[in-house]
Protein backbone atom coordinates (compact mmCIF):
# COMPACT_ATOMS: atom_id res chain seq x y z
CA MET A 1 155.75 -179.99 -63.27
CA LYS A 2 152.30 -180.61 -64.45
CA GLY A 3 151.93 -178.31 -67.61
CA SER A 4 155.59 -178.53 -68.83
CA ALA A 5 156.42 -180.22 -72.09
CA PRO A 6 157.75 -183.82 -71.94
CA HIS A 7 161.71 -183.87 -72.05
CA PHE A 8 163.13 -185.55 -75.17
CA GLU A 9 166.72 -186.42 -75.82
CA PRO A 10 168.31 -184.57 -78.85
CA SER A 11 167.83 -186.77 -82.07
CA PHE A 12 171.54 -186.39 -82.75
CA TYR A 13 172.42 -188.18 -79.58
CA MET A 14 170.55 -191.37 -80.65
CA ASP A 15 172.20 -191.22 -84.08
CA THR A 16 175.56 -190.93 -82.32
CA GLU A 17 174.94 -193.76 -80.10
CA LYS A 18 173.81 -196.03 -83.09
CA LEU A 19 176.86 -194.75 -85.04
CA ILE A 20 179.23 -195.59 -82.30
CA THR A 21 177.54 -199.11 -81.83
CA GLU A 22 177.82 -199.86 -85.61
CA ALA A 23 181.47 -198.72 -85.47
CA ARG A 24 182.29 -200.99 -82.48
CA ALA A 25 180.66 -203.86 -84.30
CA LYS A 26 182.76 -203.36 -87.31
CA ILE A 27 186.00 -203.23 -85.30
CA ILE A 28 185.02 -206.33 -83.41
CA TRP A 29 184.15 -208.17 -86.75
CA GLY A 30 187.69 -207.37 -88.05
CA GLU A 31 187.03 -204.46 -90.43
CA ALA A 32 189.95 -202.08 -91.12
CA ALA A 33 190.21 -199.12 -88.82
CA GLU A 34 190.68 -196.88 -91.93
CA SER A 35 187.22 -197.85 -93.43
CA VAL A 36 185.64 -197.60 -90.01
CA ARG A 37 187.07 -194.13 -89.61
CA GLU A 38 185.69 -193.06 -93.08
CA PHE A 39 182.39 -194.35 -91.90
CA LEU A 40 182.41 -192.40 -88.78
CA ILE A 41 183.39 -189.13 -90.50
CA SER A 42 180.82 -189.68 -93.35
CA ASN A 43 178.21 -189.75 -90.85
CA GLY A 44 179.09 -186.51 -89.07
CA MET A 45 181.68 -187.50 -86.53
CA SER A 46 184.73 -185.28 -86.07
CA GLY A 47 188.11 -186.80 -86.99
CA PRO A 48 189.74 -186.70 -83.43
CA GLU A 49 186.59 -188.01 -81.93
CA ALA A 50 186.42 -190.92 -84.59
CA ASP A 51 190.17 -191.63 -83.96
CA GLU A 52 189.53 -191.91 -80.11
CA GLN A 53 186.59 -194.24 -80.63
CA ILE A 54 188.44 -196.42 -83.06
CA LYS A 55 191.37 -196.63 -80.61
CA ALA A 56 189.21 -197.77 -77.79
CA PHE A 57 187.41 -200.29 -79.92
CA THR A 58 190.59 -201.73 -81.24
CA LEU A 59 192.07 -202.11 -77.73
CA GLU A 60 188.96 -203.93 -76.68
CA ARG A 61 189.33 -206.32 -79.82
CA ASP A 62 192.93 -206.81 -78.89
CA ARG A 63 191.97 -207.59 -75.33
CA GLU A 64 189.47 -210.31 -76.40
CA ILE A 65 191.81 -211.80 -78.88
CA ARG A 66 194.60 -212.05 -76.04
CA LYS A 67 192.07 -213.92 -73.95
CA LEU A 68 191.61 -216.47 -76.66
CA GLY A 69 195.33 -216.68 -76.83
CA ILE A 70 195.54 -217.56 -73.12
CA LYS A 71 192.83 -220.13 -73.71
CA ASN A 72 194.48 -221.61 -76.61
CA THR A 73 198.00 -221.70 -75.14
CA LEU A 74 196.63 -223.51 -72.03
CA ILE A 75 194.75 -225.91 -74.15
CA GLY A 76 197.71 -226.61 -76.36
CA ALA A 77 200.21 -227.10 -73.53
CA VAL A 78 197.72 -229.46 -71.60
CA LEU A 79 197.22 -231.48 -74.62
CA ILE A 80 200.97 -231.79 -75.39
CA ALA A 81 201.66 -232.68 -71.80
CA ILE A 82 199.10 -235.43 -71.71
CA SER A 83 200.02 -236.86 -75.02
CA GLY A 84 203.67 -236.72 -74.36
CA SER A 85 203.30 -238.39 -71.05
CA ALA A 86 200.98 -241.15 -72.41
CA ILE A 87 203.37 -241.81 -75.38
CA HIS A 88 206.24 -242.01 -72.98
CA PHE A 89 204.32 -244.55 -70.64
CA LEU A 90 203.36 -246.65 -73.61
CA LEU A 91 206.74 -246.84 -75.11
CA ALA A 92 208.36 -247.57 -71.70
CA ILE A 93 206.38 -250.97 -71.54
CA PRO A 94 208.86 -253.82 -71.95
CA GLU A 95 208.64 -255.64 -75.04
CA ASN A 96 208.01 -258.96 -73.58
CA TYR A 97 204.70 -257.90 -72.18
CA GLY A 98 202.95 -258.26 -75.66
CA ARG A 99 200.98 -255.06 -75.17
CA ARG A 100 203.53 -252.94 -76.61
CA LEU A 101 202.66 -254.13 -80.14
CA SER A 102 198.92 -253.44 -79.51
CA ALA A 103 199.84 -249.97 -78.25
CA GLY A 104 200.87 -248.78 -81.86
CA ARG A 105 197.30 -247.42 -82.62
CA GLY A 106 197.23 -245.65 -79.27
CA VAL A 107 200.63 -244.12 -80.04
CA ALA A 108 199.35 -242.88 -83.28
CA ILE A 109 196.30 -241.24 -81.89
CA LEU A 110 198.21 -239.69 -79.11
CA VAL A 111 200.61 -238.24 -81.71
CA LEU A 112 197.69 -236.65 -83.50
CA VAL A 113 196.37 -235.25 -80.18
CA GLY A 114 199.95 -233.78 -79.58
CA LEU A 115 200.15 -232.28 -82.94
CA TYR A 116 196.59 -230.68 -82.38
CA GLY A 117 197.84 -229.29 -79.19
CA LEU A 118 200.97 -227.97 -80.83
CA TRP A 119 198.78 -226.17 -83.24
CA LYS A 120 196.49 -224.69 -80.51
CA LEU A 121 199.69 -223.59 -78.64
CA THR A 122 201.19 -221.81 -81.73
CA ASN A 123 197.88 -220.11 -82.35
CA GLY A 124 197.56 -219.11 -78.68
CA ILE A 125 201.07 -217.67 -78.68
CA ILE A 126 200.40 -215.65 -81.88
CA TYR A 127 197.17 -214.30 -80.38
CA LEU A 128 199.06 -213.30 -77.32
CA VAL A 129 201.94 -211.56 -79.06
CA ARG A 130 200.34 -210.10 -81.88
CA PRO A 131 196.59 -209.78 -81.68
CA GLN A 132 196.33 -207.02 -84.23
CA SER A 133 197.76 -209.41 -86.87
CA GLU A 134 194.43 -211.23 -87.04
CA HIS A 135 191.77 -209.82 -89.24
CA GLN A 136 188.93 -212.21 -88.83
CA SER A 137 185.88 -211.59 -86.60
CA ILE A 138 186.40 -212.88 -82.87
CA SER A 139 183.66 -215.50 -83.41
CA ASP A 140 185.66 -216.88 -86.38
CA LEU A 141 188.77 -217.00 -84.17
CA GLU A 142 187.17 -218.97 -81.35
CA GLU A 143 186.27 -221.87 -83.82
């Protein structure tokens, strides 16, 4: 319509959108749900609505941490399998080949790779089983 006034969104909608975005970021970055709830309520959101939003954000965070857990578990299992197989192969070389003595440094490196794999495997399992036990930001967990 040519003479009608332009349509604007209500200002509270934009504020609510920004509020929800900030609350989501706080949950993703590992802030406690109680403090995010207080933040939402202090900025005008109702208690039940705040609880619903926090629950959704927490589920999203847990889902992302579980994805990291799957990745770390697979990396750890592969590293352990490769290093274990290589160690077994190096130690299975007969002593009279002379290469067994020079394989000592290689075995030491493979043991370190296996230990790193064990660390990744353990972290991955923890992320899968108890993602809510991690209070760091997701980007810090990826490192």
